[in-house]
Amino acid sequence: MLYLLRMVLVGLNFLFVGFVGLIIGVLRPFNPDDNRLFGRLYSHPALRILGLKLEAEVGPLHDQPPGCVIIANHQSNWDLFLLGTVVPRRMACIGKKSLKWVPFFGQLFWLGGNVLLNRENAYQARRALQTTSRVLAEQNTSIWIFPEGTRNPGETLLPFKKGRFRWPSRPACPSCPCV
């Protein structure tokens, strides 16, 4: 019974944050710091509802200057609630284009300045990555990618999608091995 109650409350939190986030996103669209705000709005209440305490060693992530490439393993839909707590300043994410159809979340994802790639059309995906690379460099924003291109609950990594790593060359951050 407690499980059902928690799932209902997490679902309501998801919808509420999506609605509130849409208002914020419309008032300040494509703001590079919105992802950090949205991530925390999703994650902190959800972790409390689920009775979870998250301890993460993210000092190195937050010590990096904006303009880095951050790579993470996407294991499940629960990642939103876990990774949302560690989103750094000025960050955008790459996601599949079909995310835009997820009520509230998809529109919030887009308004957060994230990149929606059409994985069915390689030409459009390459153009989107080139534009993204240029804009992120100009705006001094980091990009968060899930190089496996899908959720992977397994113990080992799946092969990385090669398109994620075909970015035009740009100077690396002075203190990290960024692309």
N, C-alpha and C. Protein backbone atom coordinates (compact mmCIF):
# COMPACT_ATOMS: atom_id res chain seq x y z
N MET A 1 0.82 -1.19 0.00
CA MET A 1 0.00 0.00 0.00
C MET A 1 0.86 1.26 0.00
N LEU A 2 1.94 1.24 0.80
CA LEU A 2 2.85 2.38 0.86
C LEU A 2 3.50 2.60 -0.51
N TYR A 3 3.84 1.51 -1.19
CA TYR A 3 4.43 1.60 -2.52
C TYR A 3 3.48 2.32 -3.48
N LEU A 4 2.23 1.93 -3.48
CA LEU A 4 1.24 2.55 -4.37
C LEU A 4 1.09 4.04 -4.05
N LEU A 5 1.02 4.38 -2.79
CA LEU A 5 0.90 5.78 -2.38
C LEU A 5 2.11 6.58 -2.86
N ARG A 6 3.30 6.02 -2.67
CA ARG A 6 4.52 6.72 -3.10
C ARG A 6 4.54 6.91 -4.62
N MET A 7 4.12 5.91 -5.37
CA MET A 7 4.11 6.03 -6.83
C MET A 7 3.11 7.10 -7.29
N VAL A 8 1.97 7.15 -6.64
CA VAL A 8 0.97 8.18 -6.96
C VAL A 8 1.53 9.56 -6.64
N LEU A 9 2.16 9.71 -5.49
CA LEU A 9 2.74 11.00 -5.11
C LEU A 9 3.88 11.41 -6.03
N VAL A 10 4.72 10.47 -6.43
CA VAL A 10 5.80 10.79 -7.38
C VAL A 10 5.20 11.21 -8.72
N GLY A 11 4.15 10.52 -9.15
CA GLY A 11 3.48 10.90 -10.40
C GLY A 11 2.88 12.29 -10.32
N LEU A 12 2.24 12.61 -9.20
CA LEU A 12 1.68 13.95 -9.01
C LEU A 12 2.79 15.00 -8.97
N ASN A 13 3.90 14.68 -8.32
CA ASN A 13 5.05 15.59 -8.30
C ASN A 13 5.55 15.82 -9.72
N PHE A 14 5.62 14.76 -10.50
CA PHE A 14 6.08 14.87 -11.89
C PHE A 14 5.19 15.83 -12.68
N LEU A 15 3.88 15.69 -12.53
CA LEU A 15 2.94 16.57 -13.24
C LEU A 15 3.00 18.00 -12.70
N PHE A 16 3.05 18.15 -11.38
CA PHE A 16 3.10 19.48 -10.79
C PHE A 16 4.35 20.24 -11.20
N VAL A 17 5.51 19.58 -11.10
CA VAL A 17 6.76 20.24 -11.50
C VAL A 17 6.74 20.55 -12.99
N GLY A 18 6.18 19.66 -13.78
CA GLY A 18 6.07 19.94 -15.21
C GLY A 18 5.25 21.18 -15.48
N PHE A 19 4.14 21.33 -14.77
CA PHE A 19 3.28 22.50 -14.95
C PHE A 19 3.98 23.77 -14.48
N VAL A 20 4.53 23.75 -13.28
CA VAL A 20 5.25 24.92 -12.74
C VAL A 20 6.47 25.23 -13.61
N GLY A 21 7.17 24.19 -14.02
CA GLY A 21 8.34 24.37 -14.88
C GLY A 21 7.99 25.01 -16.21
N LEU A 22 6.84 24.64 -16.77
CA LEU A 22 6.41 25.26 -18.02
C LEU A 22 6.20 26.76 -17.86
N ILE A 23 5.64 27.16 -16.74
CA ILE A 23 5.45 28.59 -16.48
C ILE A 23 6.82 29.28 -16.42
N ILE A 24 7.74 28.69 -15.67
CA ILE A 24 9.10 29.25 -15.58
C ILE A 24 9.75 29.26 -16.95
N GLY A 25 9.62 28.17 -17.69
CA GLY A 25 10.23 28.07 -19.01
C GLY A 25 9.68 29.08 -20.00
N VAL A 26 8.40 29.37 -19.91
CA VAL A 26 7.81 30.37 -20.81
C VAL A 26 8.29 31.77 -20.43
N LEU A 27 8.47 32.00 -19.13
CA LEU A 27 8.93 33.32 -18.68
C LEU A 27 10.40 33.57 -18.99
N ARG A 28 11.20 32.51 -19.03
CA ARG A 28 12.63 32.65 -19.36
C ARG A 28 13.07 31.46 -20.22
N PRO A 29 12.58 31.43 -21.47
CA PRO A 29 12.87 30.28 -22.34
C PRO A 29 14.34 30.14 -22.69
N PHE A 30 14.78 28.90 -22.75
CA PHE A 30 16.13 28.52 -23.19
C PHE A 30 17.22 29.08 -22.29
N ASN A 31 16.89 29.40 -21.06
CA ASN A 31 17.89 29.86 -20.10
C ASN A 31 18.77 28.67 -19.73
N PRO A 32 20.09 28.77 -19.88
CA PRO A 32 20.96 27.61 -19.62
C PRO A 32 20.97 27.14 -18.17
N ASP A 33 20.49 27.97 -17.24
CA ASP A 33 20.45 27.54 -15.85
C ASP A 33 19.12 26.89 -15.47
N ASP A 34 18.14 26.88 -16.40
CA ASP A 34 16.84 26.28 -16.10
C ASP A 34 16.95 24.78 -15.85
N ASN A 35 17.85 24.10 -16.56
CA ASN A 35 17.95 22.65 -16.37
C ASN A 35 18.34 22.29 -14.94
N ARG A 36 19.21 23.08 -14.36
CA ARG A 36 19.61 22.85 -12.97
C ARG A 36 18.39 23.03 -12.06
N LEU A 37 17.64 24.10 -12.28
CA LEU A 37 16.43 24.36 -11.50
C LEU A 37 15.40 23.25 -11.69
N PHE A 38 15.12 22.88 -12.94
CA PHE A 38 14.12 21.85 -13.22
C PHE A 38 14.55 20.51 -12.62
N GLY A 39 15.83 20.19 -12.74
CA GLY A 39 16.33 18.93 -12.18
C GLY A 39 16.11 18.83 -10.69
N ARG A 40 16.37 19.92 -10.00
CA ARG A 40 16.18 19.92 -8.56
C ARG A 40 14.69 19.90 -8.18
N LEU A 41 13.88 20.61 -8.96
CA LEU A 41 12.43 20.59 -8.69
C LEU A 41 11.86 19.17 -8.85
N TYR A 42 12.36 18.43 -9.81
CA TYR A 42 11.91 17.05 -9.98
C TYR A 42 12.47 16.14 -8.90
N SER A 43 13.78 16.28 -8.62
CA SER A 43 14.45 15.27 -7.81
C SER A 43 14.25 15.39 -6.31
N HIS A 44 14.41 16.56 -5.74
CA HIS A 44 14.37 16.66 -4.28
C HIS A 44 13.04 16.20 -3.68
N PRO A 45 11.88 16.67 -4.18
CA PRO A 45 10.63 16.15 -3.61
C PRO A 45 10.45 14.64 -3.85
N ALA A 46 10.85 14.18 -5.05
CA ALA A 46 10.68 12.75 -5.36
C ALA A 46 11.51 11.88 -4.43
N LEU A 47 12.73 12.28 -4.15
CA LEU A 47 13.58 11.49 -3.26
C LEU A 47 12.98 11.45 -1.85
N ARG A 48 12.42 12.57 -1.40
CA ARG A 48 11.77 12.59 -0.08
C ARG A 48 10.53 11.69 -0.07
N ILE A 49 9.74 11.78 -1.12
CA ILE A 49 8.53 10.94 -1.21
C ILE A 49 8.90 9.46 -1.17
N LEU A 50 9.97 9.11 -1.88
CA LEU A 50 10.39 7.71 -1.95
C LEU A 50 11.15 7.26 -0.71
N GLY A 51 11.49 8.19 0.16
CA GLY A 51 12.23 7.85 1.37
C GLY A 51 13.67 7.51 1.10
N LEU A 52 14.24 8.11 0.05
CA LEU A 52 15.62 7.84 -0.33
C LEU A 52 16.54 8.98 0.07
N LYS A 53 17.75 8.63 0.45
CA LYS A 53 18.78 9.62 0.72
C LYS A 53 19.90 9.36 -0.29
N LEU A 54 20.23 10.37 -1.05
CA LEU A 54 21.24 10.23 -2.09
C LEU A 54 22.53 10.90 -1.65
N GLU A 55 23.62 10.13 -1.72
CA GLU A 55 24.94 10.69 -1.47
C GLU A 55 25.72 10.58 -2.77
N ALA A 56 26.16 11.71 -3.29
CA ALA A 56 26.87 11.71 -4.56
C ALA A 56 28.16 12.51 -4.42
N GLU A 57 29.22 11.99 -4.97
CA GLU A 57 30.50 12.68 -4.99
C GLU A 57 30.58 13.44 -6.31
N VAL A 58 30.16 14.69 -6.29
CA VAL A 58 30.08 15.46 -7.53
C VAL A 58 30.98 16.70 -7.52
N GLY A 59 31.87 16.78 -6.57
CA GLY A 59 32.78 17.93 -6.53
C GLY A 59 33.49 18.16 -7.85
N PRO A 60 34.09 17.11 -8.44
CA PRO A 60 34.78 17.32 -9.72
C PRO A 60 33.84 17.81 -10.82
N LEU A 61 32.60 17.38 -10.81
CA LEU A 61 31.63 17.81 -11.81
C LEU A 61 31.33 19.30 -11.65
N HIS A 62 31.12 19.74 -10.43
CA HIS A 62 30.78 21.13 -10.19
C HIS A 62 31.99 22.06 -10.22
N ASP A 63 33.19 21.49 -10.13
CA ASP A 63 34.40 22.31 -10.19
C ASP A 63 34.77 22.68 -11.62
N GLN A 64 34.22 21.98 -12.60
CA GLN A 64 34.56 22.24 -13.99
C GLN A 64 33.91 23.53 -14.46
N PRO A 65 34.62 24.28 -15.28
CA PRO A 65 34.00 25.48 -15.84
C PRO A 65 32.96 25.08 -16.88
N PRO A 66 31.95 25.91 -17.12
CA PRO A 66 30.99 25.61 -18.19
C PRO A 66 31.73 25.44 -19.51
N GLY A 67 31.20 24.61 -20.37
CA GLY A 67 31.83 24.37 -21.67
C GLY A 67 32.37 22.96 -21.80
N CYS A 68 32.08 22.09 -20.86
CA CYS A 68 32.56 20.72 -20.89
C CYS A 68 31.48 19.77 -21.42
N VAL A 69 31.91 18.59 -21.81
CA VAL A 69 31.01 17.52 -22.19
C VAL A 69 30.92 16.57 -20.99
N ILE A 70 29.71 16.33 -20.53
CA ILE A 70 29.48 15.46 -19.38
C ILE A 70 28.82 14.19 -19.90
N ILE A 71 29.38 13.06 -19.55
CA ILE A 71 28.89 11.78 -20.05
C ILE A 71 28.33 10.98 -18.88
N ALA A 72 27.13 10.43 -19.08
CA ALA A 72 26.50 9.61 -18.04
C ALA A 72 25.87 8.38 -18.65
N ASN A 73 25.72 7.36 -17.86
CA ASN A 73 25.06 6.14 -18.26
C ASN A 73 23.58 6.27 -17.89
N HIS A 74 22.71 6.15 -18.86
CA HIS A 74 21.26 6.29 -18.64
C HIS A 74 20.70 4.90 -18.35
N GLN A 75 20.36 4.63 -17.09
CA GLN A 75 19.95 3.29 -16.72
C GLN A 75 18.45 3.08 -16.68
N SER A 76 17.68 4.10 -16.29
CA SER A 76 16.23 3.93 -16.22
C SER A 76 15.55 5.29 -16.19
N ASN A 77 14.23 5.27 -16.18
CA ASN A 77 13.49 6.52 -16.07
C ASN A 77 13.66 7.18 -14.71
N TRP A 78 14.15 6.42 -13.74
CA TRP A 78 14.41 6.98 -12.40
C TRP A 78 15.62 7.92 -12.42
N ASP A 79 16.41 7.89 -13.49
CA ASP A 79 17.59 8.77 -13.57
C ASP A 79 17.22 10.23 -13.40
N LEU A 80 16.05 10.62 -13.87
CA LEU A 80 15.62 12.01 -13.73
C LEU A 80 15.67 12.45 -12.27
N PHE A 81 15.24 11.58 -11.39
CA PHE A 81 15.17 11.93 -9.97
C PHE A 81 16.54 11.84 -9.29
N LEU A 82 17.42 11.01 -9.82
CA LEU A 82 18.74 10.88 -9.22
C LEU A 82 19.72 11.88 -9.82
N LEU A 83 19.80 11.93 -11.14
CA LEU A 83 20.74 12.84 -11.80
C LEU A 83 20.31 14.29 -11.66
N GLY A 84 19.01 14.52 -11.44
CA GLY A 84 18.53 15.89 -11.28
C GLY A 84 19.16 16.61 -10.11
N THR A 85 19.64 15.87 -9.14
CA THR A 85 20.26 16.49 -7.96
C THR A 85 21.68 16.99 -8.24
N VAL A 86 22.29 16.53 -9.31
CA VAL A 86 23.70 16.86 -9.56
C VAL A 86 23.92 17.68 -10.83
N VAL A 87 22.87 18.17 -11.44
CA VAL A 87 23.02 18.94 -12.68
C VAL A 87 23.83 20.20 -12.38
N PRO A 88 24.92 20.42 -13.14
CA PRO A 88 25.75 21.61 -12.90
C PRO A 88 25.15 22.87 -13.52
N ARG A 89 25.78 24.00 -13.23
CA ARG A 89 25.36 25.28 -13.82
C ARG A 89 25.50 25.23 -15.34
N ARG A 90 24.69 25.99 -16.03
CA ARG A 90 24.78 26.22 -17.47
C ARG A 90 24.97 24.92 -18.23
N MET A 91 23.95 24.10 -18.24
CA MET A 91 24.03 22.77 -18.84
C MET A 91 22.83 22.52 -19.74
N ALA A 92 23.10 21.91 -20.87
CA ALA A 92 22.05 21.43 -21.76
C ALA A 92 22.25 19.93 -21.96
N CYS A 93 21.22 19.26 -22.39
CA CYS A 93 21.27 17.82 -22.55
C CYS A 93 20.82 17.45 -23.95
N ILE A 94 21.27 16.31 -24.43
CA ILE A 94 20.83 15.80 -25.72
C ILE A 94 19.83 14.67 -25.46
N GLY A 95 18.70 14.72 -26.15
CA GLY A 95 17.69 13.69 -26.00
C GLY A 95 17.04 13.37 -27.33
N LYS A 96 16.30 12.29 -27.35
CA LYS A 96 15.63 11.91 -28.60
C LYS A 96 14.42 12.81 -28.85
N LYS A 97 14.14 13.02 -30.11
CA LYS A 97 13.08 13.95 -30.51
C LYS A 97 11.71 13.53 -29.98
N SER A 98 11.49 12.25 -29.81
CA SER A 98 10.18 11.79 -29.35
C SER A 98 9.87 12.22 -27.91
N LEU A 99 10.88 12.71 -27.16
CA LEU A 99 10.62 13.21 -25.81
C LEU A 99 9.65 14.38 -25.81
N LYS A 100 9.59 15.11 -26.92
CA LYS A 100 8.72 16.29 -26.95
C LYS A 100 7.25 15.92 -26.80
N TRP A 101 6.90 14.66 -26.98
CA TRP A 101 5.51 14.22 -26.86
C TRP A 101 5.14 13.79 -25.45
N VAL A 102 6.09 13.76 -24.53
CA VAL A 102 5.79 13.43 -23.14
C VAL A 102 5.13 14.66 -22.52
N PRO A 103 3.88 14.54 -22.06
CA PRO A 103 3.18 15.72 -21.53
C PRO A 103 3.98 16.44 -20.45
N PHE A 104 4.01 17.73 -20.55
CA PHE A 104 4.72 18.64 -19.65
C PHE A 104 6.24 18.47 -19.74
N PHE A 105 6.73 17.25 -19.49
CA PHE A 105 8.17 17.04 -19.47
C PHE A 105 8.82 17.36 -20.81
N GLY A 106 8.24 16.92 -21.89
CA GLY A 106 8.83 17.17 -23.20
C GLY A 106 8.93 18.63 -23.54
N GLN A 107 7.88 19.38 -23.23
CA GLN A 107 7.90 20.81 -23.50
C GLN A 107 8.88 21.50 -22.56
N LEU A 108 8.95 21.04 -21.34
CA LEU A 108 9.90 21.58 -20.36
C LEU A 108 11.34 21.28 -20.80
N PHE A 109 11.56 20.09 -21.31
CA PHE A 109 12.89 19.70 -21.81
C PHE A 109 13.32 20.64 -22.92
N TRP A 110 12.41 20.92 -23.84
CA TRP A 110 12.72 21.82 -24.96
C TRP A 110 12.94 23.25 -24.47
N LEU A 111 12.06 23.75 -23.59
CA LEU A 111 12.21 25.12 -23.08
C LEU A 111 13.47 25.29 -22.24
N GLY A 112 13.99 24.19 -21.72
CA GLY A 112 15.24 24.24 -20.95
C GLY A 112 16.47 24.41 -21.84
N GLY A 113 16.26 24.49 -23.15
CA GLY A 113 17.38 24.68 -24.07
C GLY A 113 18.08 23.39 -24.43
N ASN A 114 17.45 22.26 -24.16
CA ASN A 114 18.05 20.97 -24.49
C ASN A 114 17.87 20.69 -25.98
N VAL A 115 18.65 19.75 -26.47
CA VAL A 115 18.66 19.43 -27.89
C VAL A 115 17.86 18.16 -28.13
N LEU A 116 16.92 18.23 -29.04
CA LEU A 116 16.12 17.07 -29.41
C LEU A 116 16.59 16.58 -30.78
N LEU A 117 17.16 15.39 -30.82
CA LEU A 117 17.70 14.83 -32.06
C LEU A 117 16.73 13.85 -32.70
N ASN A 118 16.63 13.95 -34.01
CA ASN A 118 15.87 12.97 -34.78
C ASN A 118 16.83 11.84 -35.14
N ARG A 119 16.76 10.75 -34.42
CA ARG A 119 17.71 9.66 -34.63
C ARG A 119 17.43 8.89 -35.91
N GLU A 120 16.27 9.13 -36.51
CA GLU A 120 15.94 8.46 -37.77
C GLU A 120 16.56 9.15 -38.98
N ASN A 121 16.99 10.39 -38.81
CA ASN A 121 17.53 11.17 -39.91
C ASN A 121 18.94 11.63 -39.54
N ALA A 122 19.96 10.93 -40.03
CA ALA A 122 21.34 11.21 -39.67
C ALA A 122 21.77 12.62 -40.08
N TYR A 123 21.31 13.08 -41.22
CA TYR A 123 21.68 14.41 -41.69
C TYR A 123 21.16 15.49 -40.73
N GLN A 124 19.88 15.40 -40.36
CA GLN A 124 19.31 16.37 -39.42
C GLN A 124 19.99 16.28 -38.06
N ALA A 125 20.31 15.09 -37.62
CA ALA A 125 20.98 14.91 -36.33
C ALA A 125 22.36 15.56 -36.35
N ARG A 126 23.12 15.36 -37.44
CA ARG A 126 24.45 15.99 -37.54
C ARG A 126 24.33 17.50 -37.54
N ARG A 127 23.38 18.03 -38.29
CA ARG A 127 23.19 19.48 -38.33
C ARG A 127 22.84 20.02 -36.95
N ALA A 128 21.98 19.30 -36.24
CA ALA A 128 21.60 19.74 -34.90
C ALA A 128 22.80 19.73 -33.96
N LEU A 129 23.66 18.72 -34.07
CA LEU A 129 24.85 18.66 -33.22
C LEU A 129 25.84 19.76 -33.57
N GLN A 130 25.98 20.08 -34.85
CA GLN A 130 26.88 21.17 -35.25
C GLN A 130 26.38 22.51 -34.73
N THR A 131 25.10 22.75 -34.88
CA THR A 131 24.51 23.99 -34.36
C THR A 131 24.65 24.05 -32.85
N THR A 132 24.37 22.93 -32.21
CA THR A 132 24.49 22.86 -30.75
C THR A 132 25.90 23.16 -30.30
N SER A 133 26.88 22.58 -30.95
CA SER A 133 28.27 22.79 -30.59
C SER A 133 28.62 24.28 -30.69
N ARG A 134 28.20 24.91 -31.76
CA ARG A 134 28.49 26.34 -31.95
C ARG A 134 27.82 27.19 -30.87
N VAL A 135 26.54 26.94 -30.63
CA VAL A 135 25.79 27.73 -29.66
C VAL A 135 26.35 27.52 -28.25
N LEU A 136 26.66 26.29 -27.89
CA LEU A 136 27.19 26.01 -26.56
C LEU A 136 28.53 26.69 -26.35
N ALA A 137 29.37 26.69 -27.38
CA ALA A 137 30.66 27.36 -27.26
C ALA A 137 30.47 28.87 -27.09
N GLU A 138 29.55 29.44 -27.85
CA GLU A 138 29.29 30.88 -27.76
C GLU A 138 28.68 31.26 -26.41
N GLN A 139 27.84 30.40 -25.87
CA GLN A 139 27.15 30.71 -24.62
C GLN A 139 27.86 30.13 -23.40
N ASN A 140 29.01 29.48 -23.61
CA ASN A 140 29.78 28.92 -22.51
C ASN A 140 28.92 27.97 -21.66
N THR A 141 28.30 27.02 -22.33
CA THR A 141 27.39 26.07 -21.70
C THR A 141 27.92 24.66 -21.89
N SER A 142 27.75 23.83 -20.87
CA SER A 142 28.16 22.42 -20.96
C SER A 142 27.04 21.61 -21.60
N ILE A 143 27.41 20.44 -22.09
CA ILE A 143 26.42 19.52 -22.68
C ILE A 143 26.51 18.18 -21.95
N TRP A 144 25.37 17.63 -21.63
CA TRP A 144 25.28 16.34 -20.92
C TRP A 144 24.76 15.34 -21.94
N ILE A 145 25.50 14.27 -22.14
CA ILE A 145 25.08 13.27 -23.12
C ILE A 145 25.04 11.88 -22.48
N PHE A 146 24.23 11.06 -23.08
CA PHE A 146 24.12 9.65 -22.71
C PHE A 146 24.58 8.89 -23.95
N PRO A 147 25.88 8.60 -24.07
CA PRO A 147 26.45 8.11 -25.33
C PRO A 147 25.96 6.75 -25.79
N GLU A 148 25.32 5.98 -24.92
CA GLU A 148 24.78 4.70 -25.35
C GLU A 148 23.52 4.91 -26.19
N GLY A 149 22.88 6.08 -26.04
CA GLY A 149 21.72 6.41 -26.86
C GLY A 149 20.42 5.78 -26.41
N THR A 150 20.43 5.08 -25.29
CA THR A 150 19.22 4.44 -24.79
C THR A 150 19.41 4.11 -23.32
N ARG A 151 18.34 3.67 -22.67
CA ARG A 151 18.45 3.22 -21.28
C ARG A 151 19.14 1.86 -21.26
N ASN A 152 19.99 1.68 -20.26
CA ASN A 152 20.74 0.44 -20.15
C ASN A 152 20.81 0.03 -18.68
N PRO A 153 19.93 -0.87 -18.24
CA PRO A 153 19.96 -1.28 -16.85
C PRO A 153 21.05 -2.31 -16.53
N GLY A 154 21.80 -2.71 -17.53
CA GLY A 154 22.80 -3.76 -17.34
C GLY A 154 24.02 -3.32 -16.57
N GLU A 155 24.85 -4.29 -16.30
CA GLU A 155 26.09 -4.07 -15.55
C GLU A 155 27.21 -3.52 -16.43
N THR A 156 27.13 -3.75 -17.73
CA THR A 156 28.18 -3.28 -18.63
C THR A 156 27.62 -2.23 -19.58
N LEU A 157 28.52 -1.42 -20.13
CA LEU A 157 28.12 -0.38 -21.06
C LEU A 157 27.77 -0.96 -22.42
N LEU A 158 26.81 -0.35 -23.08
CA LEU A 158 26.51 -0.68 -24.47
C LEU A 158 27.49 0.08 -25.36
N PRO A 159 27.61 -0.30 -26.62
CA PRO A 159 28.47 0.48 -27.51
C PRO A 159 27.97 1.92 -27.61
N PHE A 160 28.90 2.87 -27.64
CA PHE A 160 28.53 4.27 -27.76
C PHE A 160 28.08 4.57 -29.18
N LYS A 161 27.10 5.45 -29.30
CA LYS A 161 26.67 5.93 -30.61
C LYS A 161 27.76 6.88 -31.11
N LYS A 162 28.24 6.65 -32.30
CA LYS A 162 29.38 7.43 -32.79
C LYS A 162 29.04 8.88 -33.08
N GLY A 163 27.80 9.18 -33.42
CA GLY A 163 27.42 10.54 -33.77
C GLY A 163 27.64 11.54 -32.65
N ARG A 164 27.57 11.09 -31.42
CA ARG A 164 27.73 11.99 -30.28
C ARG A 164 29.14 12.56 -30.22
N PHE A 165 30.08 11.90 -30.86
CA PHE A 165 31.47 12.32 -30.74
C PHE A 165 32.02 12.92 -32.02
N ARG A 166 31.17 13.30 -32.92
CA ARG A 166 31.60 13.94 -34.16
C ARG A 166 31.31 15.43 -34.12
N TRP A 167 31.80 16.08 -33.11
CA TRP A 167 31.59 17.51 -32.94
C TRP A 167 32.73 18.24 -33.61
N PRO A 168 32.48 19.41 -34.16
CA PRO A 168 33.59 20.20 -34.69
C PRO A 168 34.58 20.47 -33.56
N SER A 169 35.86 20.52 -33.91
CA SER A 169 36.86 20.70 -32.87
C SER A 169 36.72 22.08 -32.24
N ARG A 170 36.96 22.12 -30.95
CA ARG A 170 36.96 23.37 -30.21
C ARG A 170 37.92 23.21 -29.06
N PRO A 171 38.41 24.28 -28.50
CA PRO A 171 39.41 24.15 -27.44
C PRO A 171 38.86 23.42 -26.22
N ALA A 172 39.68 22.62 -25.61
CA ALA A 172 39.28 21.89 -24.42
C ALA A 172 39.31 22.83 -23.22
N CYS A 173 38.55 22.48 -22.20
CA CYS A 173 38.60 23.25 -20.95
C CYS A 173 39.99 23.10 -20.37
N PRO A 174 40.50 24.12 -19.71
CA PRO A 174 41.86 24.05 -19.19
C PRO A 174 42.08 22.96 -18.15
N SER A 175 41.01 22.58 -17.43
CA SER A 175 41.22 21.63 -16.34
C SER A 175 40.52 20.28 -16.54
N CYS A 176 39.98 20.04 -17.76
CA CYS A 176 39.33 18.74 -17.97
C CYS A 176 39.52 18.29 -19.41
N PRO A 177 39.41 16.99 -19.65
CA PRO A 177 39.60 16.48 -21.00
C PRO A 177 38.31 16.55 -21.81
N CYS A 178 37.77 17.74 -21.99
CA CYS A 178 36.54 17.90 -22.75
C CYS A 178 36.82 17.82 -24.23
N VAL A 179 35.75 17.60 -24.98
CA VAL A 179 35.84 17.58 -26.43
C VAL A 179 36.01 19.00 -26.91
